[in-house]
Amino acid sequence: APEGEAPGEEADGAQGAEGAQVREPSEMGDDDGPLFIDPDECIDIPDGSEPESSDEGQGDEDEPQKEFGPDQSNVSVDAHKESALAVAISPKDATLIATGGQDDVAYLWRISDEEGAAITQVFKLEGHSDSVIAVAFSSDGKYVATGSYDSTVRIWNPETGVCEQKLEGPSSEVEFIVWHPKGHVIVAGSADSTAWMWWAPTGKVMQVFAGHGDTVTCGAFGHGGKVVCTASLDKGAIVWDPKSGLPKHRFNNLHGAGIISIACHATLPIMATGSDDVPENH
């Protein structure tokens, strides 16, 4: 997002979850350097202060079965008992893959790099009680995270298959997860219209971003990790200051329908959004 005034409403002082006490971070990096999010700078969430679930449900409609062409993949696996909803490749080990499914589980797989590709199960990651809709490796490959419709995020050790942290806070389904590009900070968006940021190694809540009017469907770290960008079914996007939890820029009614995808440039203040609105002439 540009550094100047954003179109739409001026960024206002929307706070995090009610009652949250935000501590001033000791070092967040300067404008020219990388962003360091101090794991000690977490916020305290008093009991009973979590945001309430959104009143609006998201009904799923059955779609007709589609016919597919021949399988042209080098290797495939069908361990999931229901739809496979997410897949990720380790940034440090291209042979390690994670998948998440509607069967409430995730898997870690190893692809052989020998002639005649083969795939073997490394770990079955169990613990979620609803669909695993997102999987993602940290930038250094030390952790793999899973996000679920059970409203939690779990942090796993890919070398042992052990769940090291269960991240809680959202009061409704988790819709996406995204790691900071340089560290072990993770953000998740929820159907309760909030996004949450944790320090993954300890499970501490670092920030709650509250300001959308509907499900927070997607998000990303922008400008080299210096800002958090989220978008929602409310047709808007918000650029957040991760230090204060307040909006830096707010973009309203960007599309004719809810926003379902977002991307940020790795170093420049550029953000792109996608929606399921279809032009009338299409």
Protein backbone atom coordinates (compact mmCIF):
# COMPACT_ATOMS: atom_id res chain seq x y z
CA ALA A 1 0.00 0.00 0.00
CA PRO A 2 1.30 3.50 -0.74
CA GLU A 3 2.84 5.55 2.02
CA GLY A 4 0.53 8.50 1.36
CA GLU A 5 -3.17 8.83 1.97
CA ALA A 6 -5.16 5.77 0.96
CA PRO A 7 -8.48 6.04 -0.87
CA GLY A 8 -11.48 5.39 1.26
CA GLU A 9 -11.79 6.22 4.93
CA GLU A 10 -8.91 7.62 6.90
CA ALA A 11 -7.32 5.05 9.19
CA ASP A 12 -9.06 5.27 12.51
CA GLY A 13 -8.20 4.00 15.93
CA ALA A 14 -9.74 0.55 15.79
CA GLN A 15 -8.37 -1.37 18.73
CA GLY A 16 -7.57 -5.05 19.16
CA ALA A 17 -9.69 -7.41 21.24
CA GLU A 18 -11.48 -5.56 24.03
CA GLY A 19 -9.39 -5.39 27.15
CA ALA A 20 -6.12 -6.23 25.41
CA GLN A 21 -3.08 -4.52 26.88
CA VAL A 22 -0.51 -3.69 24.19
CA ARG A 23 3.10 -3.33 25.28
CA GLU A 24 5.39 -1.08 23.30
CA PRO A 25 7.87 -3.18 21.29
CA SER A 26 11.48 -2.47 22.13
CA GLU A 27 12.76 -2.85 18.59
CA MET A 28 10.76 -3.07 15.38
CA GLY A 29 13.49 -2.03 12.92
CA ASP A 30 13.79 1.26 11.05
CA ASP A 31 12.39 2.20 7.68
CA ASP A 32 15.49 1.04 5.83
CA GLY A 33 16.27 -2.15 7.71
CA PRO A 34 14.51 -5.47 8.28
CA LEU A 35 11.62 -5.79 10.69
CA PHE A 36 12.33 -7.55 13.95
CA ILE A 37 9.25 -8.49 15.95
CA ASP A 38 10.29 -9.01 19.54
CA PRO A 39 8.77 -12.26 20.89
CA ASP A 40 8.53 -10.67 24.33
CA GLU A 41 6.19 -7.98 23.02
CA CYS A 42 2.97 -9.93 23.31
CA ILE A 43 -0.41 -8.75 24.51
CA ASP A 44 -2.41 -10.15 27.39
CA ILE A 45 -5.87 -11.41 26.46
CA PRO A 46 -8.09 -11.44 29.59
CA ASP A 47 -10.45 -14.38 29.95
CA GLY A 48 -13.76 -13.82 28.24
CA SER A 49 -12.53 -10.97 26.05
CA GLU A 50 -12.26 -12.89 22.79
CA PRO A 51 -14.30 -11.47 19.90
CA GLU A 52 -17.71 -13.01 19.37
CA SER A 53 -18.42 -15.14 16.36
CA SER A 54 -19.88 -13.46 13.30
CA ASP A 55 -23.63 -13.83 13.03
CA GLU A 56 -23.43 -14.47 9.33
CA GLY A 57 -22.94 -18.09 8.35
CA GLN A 58 -21.32 -19.35 5.23
CA GLY A 59 -23.50 -22.00 3.73
CA ASP A 60 -21.86 -24.52 1.43
CA GLU A 61 -23.70 -25.55 -1.68
CA ASP A 62 -23.16 -28.94 -3.26
CA GLU A 63 -21.49 -28.73 -6.64
CA PRO A 64 -21.88 -31.30 -9.40
CA GLN A 65 -19.06 -33.82 -9.71
CA LYS A 66 -16.55 -32.77 -12.36
CA GLU A 67 -14.77 -35.08 -14.75
CA PHE A 68 -11.00 -34.77 -14.97
CA GLY A 69 -8.53 -35.75 -17.63
CA PRO A 70 -5.74 -38.33 -17.27
CA ASP A 71 -3.36 -38.04 -14.31
CA GLN A 72 -0.16 -36.50 -15.67
CA SER A 73 1.64 -36.09 -12.34
CA ASN A 74 4.96 -37.77 -11.65
CA VAL A 75 3.76 -39.00 -8.27
CA SER A 76 0.52 -38.76 -6.30
CA VAL A 77 -0.94 -39.90 -3.00
CA ASP A 78 -4.51 -40.39 -1.81
CA ALA A 79 -4.17 -40.84 1.95
CA HIS A 80 -6.74 -38.18 2.80
CA LYS A 81 -10.19 -39.71 3.30
CA GLU A 82 -11.85 -36.51 2.09
CA SER A 83 -10.84 -33.52 -0.03
CA ALA A 84 -7.24 -32.30 0.19
CA LEU A 85 -7.62 -28.57 0.92
CA ALA A 86 -4.04 -27.32 1.31
CA VAL A 87 -0.49 -28.15 0.28
CA ALA A 88 2.91 -26.60 1.02
CA ILE A 89 6.56 -27.32 0.21
CA SER A 90 9.34 -26.72 2.71
CA PRO A 91 11.49 -23.74 1.62
CA LYS A 92 14.61 -25.52 2.93
CA ASP A 93 13.90 -29.06 1.77
CA ALA A 94 12.17 -29.40 -1.59
CA THR A 95 11.48 -33.09 -0.95
CA LEU A 96 9.30 -32.36 2.12
CA ILE A 97 5.63 -31.61 1.50
CA ALA A 98 2.71 -30.94 3.85
CA THR A 99 -0.96 -31.47 3.05
CA GLY A 100 -4.15 -30.70 4.94
CA GLY A 101 -7.58 -32.14 4.40
CA GLN A 102 -11.28 -32.05 5.07
CA ASP A 103 -10.74 -35.22 7.11
CA ASP A 104 -9.33 -33.05 9.95
CA VAL A 105 -5.73 -34.25 9.59
CA ALA A 106 -2.50 -33.11 7.96
CA TYR A 107 0.38 -35.17 6.62
CA LEU A 108 4.07 -34.71 5.99
CA TRP A 109 5.39 -36.50 2.91
CA ARG A 110 8.83 -37.21 1.52
CA ILE A 111 9.35 -37.31 -2.25
CA SER A 112 12.32 -39.31 -3.43
CA ASP A 113 14.69 -37.50 -5.77
CA GLU A 114 15.85 -40.71 -7.33
CA GLU A 115 14.86 -41.91 -10.79
CA GLY A 116 11.26 -43.04 -10.71
CA ALA A 117 9.71 -40.60 -8.23
CA ALA A 118 8.01 -42.04 -5.16
CA ILE A 119 6.30 -40.48 -2.15
CA THR A 120 6.25 -41.83 1.39
CA GLN A 121 4.41 -40.70 4.50
CA VAL A 122 6.69 -39.16 7.13
CA PHE A 123 4.13 -38.16 9.77
CA LYS A 124 0.39 -38.02 10.20
CA LEU A 125 -0.40 -34.80 12.09
CA GLU A 126 -3.50 -35.41 14.19
CA GLY A 127 -5.19 -33.15 16.73
CA HIS A 128 -7.56 -30.85 14.87
CA SER A 129 -11.28 -31.47 15.24
CA ASP A 130 -12.35 -29.90 11.94
CA SER A 131 -11.06 -29.43 8.40
CA VAL A 132 -7.40 -28.44 8.00
CA ILE A 133 -7.73 -25.64 5.45
CA ALA A 134 -4.18 -24.24 5.52
CA VAL A 135 -0.64 -25.57 5.89
CA ALA A 136 2.55 -23.49 5.78
CA PHE A 137 6.25 -23.85 6.58
CA SER A 138 8.17 -21.12 8.38
CA SER A 139 10.77 -19.34 6.27
CA ASP A 140 13.60 -21.41 7.75
CA GLY A 141 11.67 -24.69 7.54
CA LYS A 142 11.94 -25.21 11.32
CA TYR A 143 8.18 -25.31 11.83
CA VAL A 144 5.10 -26.29 9.86
CA ALA A 145 1.78 -24.73 10.82
CA THR A 146 -1.75 -25.99 10.25
CA GLY A 147 -4.89 -23.86 10.38
CA SER A 148 -8.30 -25.37 10.92
CA TYR A 149 -12.01 -24.67 10.99
CA ASP A 150 -11.82 -25.72 14.65
CA SER A 151 -10.61 -22.09 15.21
CA THR A 152 -7.04 -23.07 16.14
CA VAL A 153 -3.58 -23.05 14.60
CA ARG A 154 -1.10 -25.77 15.49
CA ILE A 155 2.69 -25.52 15.25
CA TRP A 156 4.50 -28.78 14.45
CA ASN A 157 8.11 -29.88 14.42
CA PRO A 158 8.61 -31.41 10.95
CA GLU A 159 11.55 -33.49 12.17
CA THR A 160 9.56 -35.26 14.90
CA GLY A 161 5.91 -34.79 13.96
CA VAL A 162 5.23 -33.40 17.45
CA CYS A 163 2.75 -30.57 17.97
CA GLU A 164 4.75 -27.96 19.89
CA GLN A 165 2.06 -25.30 20.25
CA LYS A 166 -1.69 -24.96 19.95
CA LEU A 167 -2.52 -21.35 19.13
CA GLU A 168 -5.93 -20.24 20.34
CA GLY A 169 -7.86 -16.98 20.29
CA PRO A 170 -10.23 -16.74 17.32
CA SER A 171 -13.83 -17.55 18.19
CA SER A 172 -14.67 -18.95 14.76
CA GLU A 173 -13.09 -20.75 11.82
CA VAL A 174 -9.49 -19.99 10.84
CA GLU A 175 -9.47 -18.95 7.19
CA PHE A 176 -5.75 -18.52 6.43
CA ILE A 177 -2.30 -18.59 8.01
CA VAL A 178 0.86 -16.76 6.95
CA TRP A 179 4.38 -16.69 8.40
CA HIS A 180 6.55 -13.62 8.74
CA PRO A 181 9.19 -13.71 5.96
CA LYS A 182 12.10 -13.48 8.42
CA GLY A 183 11.03 -15.07 11.67
CA HIS A 184 8.69 -17.27 13.66
CA VAL A 185 5.77 -14.85 13.84
CA ILE A 186 2.53 -16.17 12.36
CA VAL A 187 -0.76 -14.47 11.51
CA ALA A 188 -4.16 -16.11 11.04
CA GLY A 189 -7.48 -14.64 9.90
CA SER A 190 -10.84 -15.80 11.15
CA ALA A 191 -14.52 -15.88 10.28
CA ASP A 192 -15.08 -13.82 13.45
CA SER A 193 -13.77 -10.74 11.51
CA THR A 194 -10.42 -10.58 13.33
CA ALA A 195 -6.83 -11.55 12.60
CA TRP A 196 -4.40 -12.77 15.28
CA MET A 197 -0.61 -12.67 15.48
CA TRP A 198 1.39 -15.07 17.67
CA TRP A 199 5.01 -15.79 18.50
CA ALA A 200 4.90 -19.42 17.39
CA PRO A 201 7.65 -20.97 19.56
CA THR A 202 5.82 -20.03 22.77
CA GLY A 203 2.24 -19.59 21.60
CA LYS A 204 2.07 -16.04 23.01
CA VAL A 205 -0.43 -13.64 21.43
CA MET A 206 1.46 -10.66 20.00
CA GLN A 207 -1.44 -8.72 18.52
CA VAL A 208 -5.13 -8.85 17.61
CA PHE A 209 -6.26 -6.92 14.54
CA ALA A 210 -9.93 -5.93 14.79
CA GLY A 211 -11.51 -3.64 12.21
CA HIS A 212 -13.10 -5.69 9.45
CA GLY A 213 -16.87 -6.12 9.25
CA ASP A 214 -16.90 -9.71 7.99
CA THR A 215 -14.76 -12.83 7.60
CA VAL A 216 -11.04 -12.10 7.20
CA THR A 217 -10.35 -14.37 4.25
CA CYS A 218 -6.72 -13.66 3.42
CA GLY A 219 -3.64 -11.84 4.58
CA ALA A 220 0.05 -11.26 3.99
CA PHE A 221 3.09 -9.54 5.44
CA GLY A 222 3.96 -6.56 3.28
CA HIS A 223 6.89 -4.21 2.64
CA GLY A 224 9.48 -6.72 3.77
CA GLY A 225 7.49 -7.78 6.82
CA LYS A 226 7.01 -4.24 8.14
CA VAL A 227 3.20 -4.29 7.86
CA VAL A 228 0.38 -6.82 8.03
CA CYS A 229 -2.20 -6.67 5.23
CA THR A 230 -5.61 -8.33 5.53
CA ALA A 231 -8.71 -8.48 3.34
CA SER A 232 -12.27 -9.51 4.00
CA LEU A 233 -15.66 -10.47 2.68
CA ASP A 234 -16.60 -6.89 3.63
CA LYS A 235 -14.96 -5.92 0.28
CA GLY A 236 -12.20 -4.00 2.03
CA ALA A 237 -8.51 -4.34 2.88
CA ILE A 238 -6.54 -2.94 5.81
CA VAL A 239 -2.81 -2.32 6.19
CA TRP A 240 -1.92 -2.72 9.87
CA ASP A 241 0.92 -1.54 12.04
CA PRO A 242 2.02 -4.76 13.80
CA LYS A 243 3.47 -2.71 16.64
CA SER A 244 0.28 -0.93 17.70
CA GLY A 245 -2.36 -3.12 16.09
CA LEU A 246 -3.91 -0.02 14.50
CA PRO A 247 -4.70 0.55 10.81
CA LYS A 248 -2.14 2.49 8.78
CA HIS A 249 -4.36 2.51 5.68
CA ARG A 250 -7.93 1.38 5.12
CA PHE A 251 -9.34 0.59 1.67
CA ASN A 252 -13.13 0.32 1.47
CA ASN A 253 -15.27 -1.24 -1.27
CA LEU A 254 -12.34 -2.22 -3.45
CA HIS A 255 -14.47 -4.79 -5.25
CA GLY A 256 -18.10 -5.54 -5.98
CA ALA A 257 -17.95 -8.63 -3.80
CA GLY A 258 -15.87 -10.04 -0.97
CA ILE A 259 -12.10 -10.17 -1.33
CA ILE A 260 -10.73 -13.72 -1.32
CA SER A 261 -7.04 -13.32 -2.22
CA ILE A 262 -4.23 -10.90 -1.48
CA ALA A 263 -0.55 -10.61 -2.34
CA CYS A 264 2.19 -8.18 -1.29
CA HIS A 265 5.51 -7.37 -2.92
CA ALA A 266 8.49 -8.71 -0.99
CA THR A 267 10.14 -5.32 -0.51
CA LEU A 268 8.01 -2.57 -2.08
CA PRO A 269 4.79 -1.10 -0.61
CA ILE A 270 2.60 -2.76 -3.23
CA MET A 271 -0.52 -4.84 -2.53
CA ALA A 272 -2.88 -6.66 -4.89
CA THR A 273 -6.32 -8.11 -4.12
CA GLY A 274 -8.66 -10.52 -5.86
CA SER A 275 -12.40 -11.02 -5.58
CA ASP A 276 -15.11 -13.30 -6.92
CA ASP A 277 -16.94 -10.32 -8.44
CA VAL A 278 -17.45 -10.89 -12.15
CA PRO A 279 -17.79 -7.95 -14.58
CA GLU A 280 -21.24 -7.71 -16.13
CA ASN A 281 -19.85 -8.07 -19.63
CA HIS A 282 -18.31 -11.48 -18.87
